[in-house]
Amino acid sequence: MSKTSPGEFVRQVRQEFSKVTWPTKKEAGVTTVMVFIMVFIMSLFFIGVDQVLSWFVSFILGLGG
């Protein structure tokens, strides 16, 4: 593997940085809102799963007592 000089490294970093496509404010805002919506939906799902599993375990443990 050949060594890269610090100057060449900086040039390559700038070249790659120029290829990055940054989101607009609108895109970032929409993405943020979608993340919060998905977090809310998933939290409801996991609360439901937790309640069902809790009921199931209580039912099973209640049969043995």
PDB file of N, CA and C in Angstrom:
ATOM      1  N   MET A   1       0.850  -1.166   0.000  1.00  0.00           N
ATOM      2  CA  MET A   1       0.000   0.000   0.000  1.00  0.00           C
ATOM      3  C   MET A   1       0.897   1.231   0.000  1.00  0.00           C
ATOM      4  N   SER A   2       0.651   2.130  -0.935  1.00  0.00           N
ATOM      5  CA  SER A   2       1.489   3.316  -1.023  1.00  0.00           C
ATOM      6  C   SER A   2       1.082   4.353   0.009  1.00  0.00           C
ATOM      7  N   LYS A   3       2.058   5.109   0.464  1.00  0.00           N
ATOM      8  CA  LYS A   3       1.791   6.157   1.453  1.00  0.00           C
ATOM      9  C   LYS A   3       1.243   7.387   0.756  1.00  0.00           C
ATOM     10  N   THR A   4       0.324   8.055   1.438  1.00  0.00           N
ATOM     11  CA  THR A   4      -0.265   9.278   0.910  1.00  0.00           C
ATOM     12  C   THR A   4       0.252  10.443   1.735  1.00  0.00           C
ATOM     13  N   SER A   5       0.724  11.470   1.061  1.00  0.00           N
ATOM     14  CA  SER A   5       1.232  12.639   1.777  1.00  0.00           C
ATOM     15  C   SER A   5       0.055  13.395   2.407  1.00  0.00           C
ATOM     16  N   PRO A   6       0.315  14.177   3.457  1.00  0.00           N
ATOM     17  CA  PRO A   6      -0.765  14.951   4.087  1.00  0.00           C
ATOM     18  C   PRO A   6      -1.469  15.890   3.098  1.00  0.00           C
ATOM     19  N   GLY A   7      -0.726  16.504   2.214  1.00  0.00           N
ATOM     20  CA  GLY A   7      -1.324  17.396   1.219  1.00  0.00           C
ATOM     21  C   GLY A   7      -2.265  16.651   0.275  1.00  0.00           C
ATOM     22  N   GLU A   8      -1.821  15.479  -0.173  1.00  0.00           N
ATOM     23  CA  GLU A   8      -2.654  14.646  -1.053  1.00  0.00           C
ATOM     24  C   GLU A   8      -3.904  14.182  -0.316  1.00  0.00           C
ATOM     25  N   PHE A   9      -3.747  13.821   0.949  1.00  0.00           N
ATOM     26  CA  PHE A   9      -4.891  13.400   1.759  1.00  0.00           C
ATOM     27  C   PHE A   9      -5.935  14.510   1.857  1.00  0.00           C
ATOM     28  N   VAL A  10      -5.492  15.730   2.156  1.00  0.00           N
ATOM     29  CA  VAL A  10      -6.412  16.868   2.269  1.00  0.00           C
ATOM     30  C   VAL A  10      -7.107  17.111   0.931  1.00  0.00           C
ATOM     31  N   ARG A  11      -6.378  17.012  -0.168  1.00  0.00           N
ATOM     32  CA  ARG A  11      -6.971  17.200  -1.488  1.00  0.00           C
ATOM     33  C   ARG A  11      -8.046  16.142  -1.757  1.00  0.00           C
ATOM     34  N   GLN A  12      -7.772  14.893  -1.386  1.00  0.00           N
ATOM     35  CA  GLN A  12      -8.743  13.824  -1.586  1.00  0.00           C
ATOM     36  C   GLN A  12      -9.985  14.031  -0.710  1.00  0.00           C
ATOM     37  N   VAL A  13      -9.774  14.488   0.519  1.00  0.00           N
ATOM     38  CA  VAL A  13     -10.898  14.739   1.414  1.00  0.00           C
ATOM     39  C   VAL A  13     -11.781  15.837   0.842  1.00  0.00           C
ATOM     40  N   ARG A  14     -11.193  16.921   0.364  1.00  0.00           N
ATOM     41  CA  ARG A  14     -11.970  18.021  -0.229  1.00  0.00           C
ATOM     42  C   ARG A  14     -12.725  17.546  -1.469  1.00  0.00           C
ATOM     43  N   GLN A  15     -12.078  16.702  -2.259  1.00  0.00           N
ATOM     44  CA  GLN A  15     -12.713  16.183  -3.465  1.00  0.00           C
ATOM     45  C   GLN A  15     -13.936  15.326  -3.098  1.00  0.00           C
ATOM     46  N   GLU A  16     -13.797  14.457  -2.103  1.00  0.00           N
ATOM     47  CA  GLU A  16     -14.915  13.618  -1.681  1.00  0.00           C
ATOM     48  C   GLU A  16     -16.010  14.458  -1.018  1.00  0.00           C
ATOM     49  N   PHE A  17     -15.613  15.476  -0.261  1.00  0.00           N
ATOM     50  CA  PHE A  17     -16.564  16.345   0.418  1.00  0.00           C
ATOM     51  C   PHE A  17     -17.440  17.085  -0.587  1.00  0.00           C
ATOM     52  N   SER A  18     -16.861  17.421  -1.734  1.00  0.00           N
ATOM     53  CA  SER A  18     -17.638  18.135  -2.747  1.00  0.00           C
ATOM     54  C   SER A  18     -18.686  17.236  -3.395  1.00  0.00           C
ATOM     55  N   LYS A  19     -18.561  15.921  -3.271  1.00  0.00           N
ATOM     56  CA  LYS A  19     -19.511  14.977  -3.850  1.00  0.00           C
ATOM     57  C   LYS A  19     -20.739  14.776  -2.957  1.00  0.00           C
ATOM     58  N   VAL A  20     -20.667  15.230  -1.716  1.00  0.00           N
ATOM     59  CA  VAL A  20     -21.759  15.013  -0.766  1.00  0.00           C
ATOM     60  C   VAL A  20     -22.961  15.862  -1.167  1.00  0.00           C
ATOM     61  N   THR A  21     -24.134  15.234  -1.149  1.00  0.00           N
ATOM     62  CA  THR A  21     -25.378  15.951  -1.413  1.00  0.00           C
ATOM     63  C   THR A  21     -26.050  16.221  -0.076  1.00  0.00           C
ATOM     64  N   TRP A  22     -26.116  17.476   0.313  1.00  0.00           N
ATOM     65  CA  TRP A  22     -26.694  17.844   1.600  1.00  0.00           C
ATOM     66  C   TRP A  22     -28.192  18.045   1.457  1.00  0.00           C
ATOM     67  N   PRO A  23     -28.973  17.622   2.470  1.00  0.00           N
ATOM     68  CA  PRO A  23     -30.426  17.812   2.390  1.00  0.00           C
ATOM     69  C   PRO A  23     -30.800  19.281   2.569  1.00  0.00           C
ATOM     70  N   THR A  24     -31.922  19.647   1.966  1.00  0.00           N
ATOM     71  CA  THR A  24     -32.433  20.999   2.154  1.00  0.00           C
ATOM     72  C   THR A  24     -33.091  21.084   3.532  1.00  0.00           C
ATOM     73  N   LYS A  25     -33.429  22.315   3.963  1.00  0.00           N
ATOM     74  CA  LYS A  25     -34.104  22.473   5.253  1.00  0.00           C
ATOM     75  C   LYS A  25     -35.426  21.724   5.260  1.00  0.00           C
ATOM     76  N   LYS A  26     -36.138  21.781   4.150  1.00  0.00           N
ATOM     77  CA  LYS A  26     -37.435  21.099   4.063  1.00  0.00           C
ATOM     78  C   LYS A  26     -37.254  19.591   4.195  1.00  0.00           C
ATOM     79  N   GLU A  27     -36.279  19.025   3.481  1.00  0.00           N
ATOM     80  CA  GLU A  27     -36.028  17.582   3.556  1.00  0.00           C
ATOM     81  C   GLU A  27     -35.640  17.164   4.965  1.00  0.00           C
ATOM     82  N   ALA A  28     -34.802  17.955   5.617  1.00  0.00           N
ATOM     83  CA  ALA A  28     -34.384  17.637   6.982  1.00  0.00           C
ATOM     84  C   ALA A  28     -35.573  17.703   7.936  1.00  0.00           C
ATOM     85  N   GLY A  29     -36.447  18.703   7.752  1.00  0.00           N
ATOM     86  CA  GLY A  29     -37.622  18.840   8.602  1.00  0.00           C
ATOM     87  C   GLY A  29     -38.587  17.689   8.422  1.00  0.00           C
ATOM     88  N   VAL A  30     -38.847  17.309   7.173  1.00  0.00           N
ATOM     89  CA  VAL A  30     -39.759  16.201   6.893  1.00  0.00           C
ATOM     90  C   VAL A  30     -39.195  14.903   7.465  1.00  0.00           C
ATOM     91  N   THR A  31     -37.916  14.682   7.296  1.00  0.00           N
ATOM     92  CA  THR A  31     -37.286  13.476   7.828  1.00  0.00           C
ATOM     93  C   THR A  31     -37.390  13.435   9.344  1.00  0.00           C
ATOM     94  N   THR A  32     -37.177  14.560  10.001  1.00  0.00           N
ATOM     95  CA  THR A  32     -37.274  14.624  11.457  1.00  0.00           C
ATOM     96  C   THR A  32     -38.685  14.286  11.924  1.00  0.00           C
ATOM     97  N   VAL A  33     -39.687  14.865  11.265  1.00  0.00           N
ATOM     98  CA  VAL A  33     -41.081  14.581  11.631  1.00  0.00           C
ATOM     99  C   VAL A  33     -41.390  13.102  11.422  1.00  0.00           C
ATOM    100  N   MET A  34     -40.929  12.523  10.329  1.00  0.00           N
ATOM    101  CA  MET A  34     -41.177  11.104  10.066  1.00  0.00           C
ATOM    102  C   MET A  34     -40.524  10.216  11.117  1.00  0.00           C
ATOM    103  N   VAL A  35     -39.349  10.595  11.575  1.00  0.00           N
ATOM    104  CA  VAL A  35     -38.678   9.824  12.626  1.00  0.00           C
ATOM    105  C   VAL A  35     -39.514   9.853  13.906  1.00  0.00           C
ATOM    106  N   PHE A  36     -40.017  11.029  14.282  1.00  0.00           N
ATOM    107  CA  PHE A  36     -40.836  11.119  15.491  1.00  0.00           C
ATOM    108  C   PHE A  36     -42.131  10.320  15.351  1.00  0.00           C
ATOM    109  N   ILE A  37     -42.740  10.341  14.172  1.00  0.00           N
ATOM    110  CA  ILE A  37     -43.958   9.552  13.954  1.00  0.00           C
ATOM    111  C   ILE A  37     -43.666   8.064  14.083  1.00  0.00           C
ATOM    112  N   MET A  38     -42.567   7.610  13.481  1.00  0.00           N
ATOM    113  CA  MET A  38     -42.216   6.185  13.567  1.00  0.00           C
ATOM    114  C   MET A  38     -41.885   5.772  14.992  1.00  0.00           C
ATOM    115  N   VAL A  39     -41.215   6.642  15.745  1.00  0.00           N
ATOM    116  CA  VAL A  39     -40.911   6.341  17.149  1.00  0.00           C
ATOM    117  C   VAL A  39     -42.206   6.182  17.931  1.00  0.00           C
ATOM    118  N   PHE A  40     -43.182   7.066  17.694  1.00  0.00           N
ATOM    119  CA  PHE A  40     -44.463   6.992  18.379  1.00  0.00           C
ATOM    120  C   PHE A  40     -45.199   5.697  18.037  1.00  0.00           C
ATOM    121  N   ILE A  41     -45.249   5.351  16.740  1.00  0.00           N
ATOM    122  CA  ILE A  41     -45.930   4.129  16.309  1.00  0.00           C
ATOM    123  C   ILE A  41     -45.255   2.897  16.908  1.00  0.00           C
ATOM    124  N   MET A  42     -43.928   2.857  16.861  1.00  0.00           N
ATOM    125  CA  MET A  42     -43.214   1.697  17.400  1.00  0.00           C
ATOM    126  C   MET A  42     -43.372   1.596  18.914  1.00  0.00           C
ATOM    127  N   SER A  43     -43.434   2.735  19.599  1.00  0.00           N
ATOM    128  CA  SER A  43     -43.636   2.680  21.053  1.00  0.00           C
ATOM    129  C   SER A  43     -45.008   2.104  21.369  1.00  0.00           C
ATOM    130  N   LEU A  44     -46.039   2.463  20.598  1.00  0.00           N
ATOM    131  CA  LEU A  44     -47.364   1.871  20.798  1.00  0.00           C
ATOM    132  C   LEU A  44     -47.335   0.368  20.543  1.00  0.00           C
ATOM    133  N   PHE A  45     -46.641  -0.037  19.494  1.00  0.00           N
ATOM    134  CA  PHE A  45     -46.516  -1.462  19.182  1.00  0.00           C
ATOM    135  C   PHE A  45     -45.853  -2.223  20.325  1.00  0.00           C
ATOM    136  N   PHE A  46     -44.737  -1.702  20.826  1.00  0.00           N
ATOM    137  CA  PHE A  46     -44.027  -2.422  21.880  1.00  0.00           C
ATOM    138  C   PHE A  46     -44.771  -2.391  23.210  1.00  0.00           C
ATOM    139  N   ILE A  47     -45.539  -1.338  23.467  1.00  0.00           N
ATOM    140  CA  ILE A  47     -46.388  -1.327  24.665  1.00  0.00           C
ATOM    141  C   ILE A  47     -47.426  -2.444  24.552  1.00  0.00           C
ATOM    142  N   GLY A  48     -48.015  -2.577  23.366  1.00  0.00           N
ATOM    143  CA  GLY A  48     -48.995  -3.644  23.144  1.00  0.00           C
ATOM    144  C   GLY A  48     -48.389  -5.023  23.310  1.00  0.00           C
ATOM    145  N   VAL A  49     -47.233  -5.243  22.711  1.00  0.00           N
ATOM    146  CA  VAL A  49     -46.559  -6.542  22.829  1.00  0.00           C
ATOM    147  C   VAL A  49     -46.212  -6.817  24.289  1.00  0.00           C
ATOM    148  N   ASP A  50     -45.738  -5.816  24.998  1.00  0.00           N
ATOM    149  CA  ASP A  50     -45.390  -5.971  26.408  1.00  0.00           C
ATOM    150  C   ASP A  50     -46.624  -6.348  27.232  1.00  0.00           C
ATOM    151  N   GLN A  51     -47.755  -5.720  26.951  1.00  0.00           N
ATOM    152  CA  GLN A  51     -48.982  -6.024  27.682  1.00  0.00           C
ATOM    153  C   GLN A  51     -49.434  -7.456  27.419  1.00  0.00           C
ATOM    154  N   VAL A  52     -49.372  -7.892  26.170  1.00  0.00           N
ATOM    155  CA  VAL A  52     -49.776  -9.255  25.828  1.00  0.00           C
ATOM    156  C   VAL A  52     -48.854 -10.268  26.501  1.00  0.00           C
ATOM    157  N   LEU A  53     -47.556 -10.036  26.424  1.00  0.00           N
ATOM    158  CA  LEU A  53     -46.619 -10.964  27.061  1.00  0.00           C
ATOM    159  C   LEU A  53     -46.782 -10.968  28.576  1.00  0.00           C
ATOM    160  N   SER A  54     -47.041  -9.808  29.155  1.00  0.00           N
ATOM    161  CA  SER A  54     -47.258  -9.712  30.597  1.00  0.00           C
ATOM    162  C   SER A  54     -48.497 -10.515  30.998  1.00  0.00           C
ATOM    163  N   TRP A  55     -49.567 -10.380  30.237  1.00  0.00           N
ATOM    164  CA  TRP A  55     -50.783 -11.138  30.521  1.00  0.00           C
ATOM    165  C   TRP A  55     -50.515 -12.632  30.387  1.00  0.00           C
ATOM    166  N   PHE A  56     -49.790 -13.026  29.329  1.00  0.00           N
ATOM    167  CA  PHE A  56     -49.496 -14.439  29.093  1.00  0.00           C
ATOM    168  C   PHE A  56     -48.677 -15.037  30.235  1.00  0.00           C
ATOM    169  N   VAL A  57     -47.655 -14.329  30.679  1.00  0.00           N
ATOM    170  CA  VAL A  57     -46.809 -14.836  31.770  1.00  0.00           C
ATOM    171  C   VAL A  57     -47.615 -14.919  33.060  1.00  0.00           C
ATOM    172  N   SER A  58     -48.435 -13.913  33.333  1.00  0.00           N
ATOM    173  CA  SER A  58     -49.274 -13.944  34.539  1.00  0.00           C
ATOM    174  C   SER A  58     -50.240 -15.112  34.478  1.00  0.00           C
ATOM    175  N   PHE A  59     -50.804 -15.386  33.319  1.00  0.00           N
ATOM    176  CA  PHE A  59     -51.725 -16.507  33.150  1.00  0.00           C
ATOM    177  C   PHE A  59     -51.018 -17.835  33.417  1.00  0.00           C
ATOM    178  N   ILE A  60     -49.824 -18.005  32.832  1.00  0.00           N
ATOM    179  CA  ILE A  60     -49.066 -19.239  32.998  1.00  0.00           C
ATOM    180  C   ILE A  60     -48.659 -19.423  34.462  1.00  0.00           C
ATOM    181  N   LEU A  61     -48.168 -18.367  35.079  1.00  0.00           N
ATOM    182  CA  LEU A  61     -47.742 -18.469  36.482  1.00  0.00           C
ATOM    183  C   LEU A  61     -48.943 -18.678  37.390  1.00  0.00           C
ATOM    184  N   GLY A  62     -50.094 -18.170  37.033  1.00  0.00           N
ATOM    185  CA  GLY A  62     -51.297 -18.341  37.838  1.00  0.00           C
ATOM    186  C   GLY A  62     -51.817 -19.783  37.803  1.00  0.00           C
ATOM    187  N   LEU A  63     -51.535 -20.518  36.731  1.00  0.00           N
ATOM    188  CA  LEU A  63     -51.969 -21.910  36.637  1.00  0.00           C
ATOM    189  C   LEU A  63     -51.208 -22.802  37.609  1.00  0.00           C
ATOM    190  N   GLY A  64     -49.971 -22.434  37.883  1.00  0.00           N
ATOM    191  CA  GLY A  64     -49.154 -23.280  38.755  1.00  0.00           C
ATOM    192  C   GLY A  64     -49.456 -23.061  40.231  1.00  0.00           C
ATOM    193  N   GLY A  65     -50.118 -21.953  40.579  1.00  0.00           N
ATOM    194  CA  GLY A  65     -50.314 -21.629  41.992  1.00  0.00           C
ATOM    195  C   GLY A  65     -51.587 -22.027  42.555  1.00  0.00           C
TER     196      GLY A  65
END
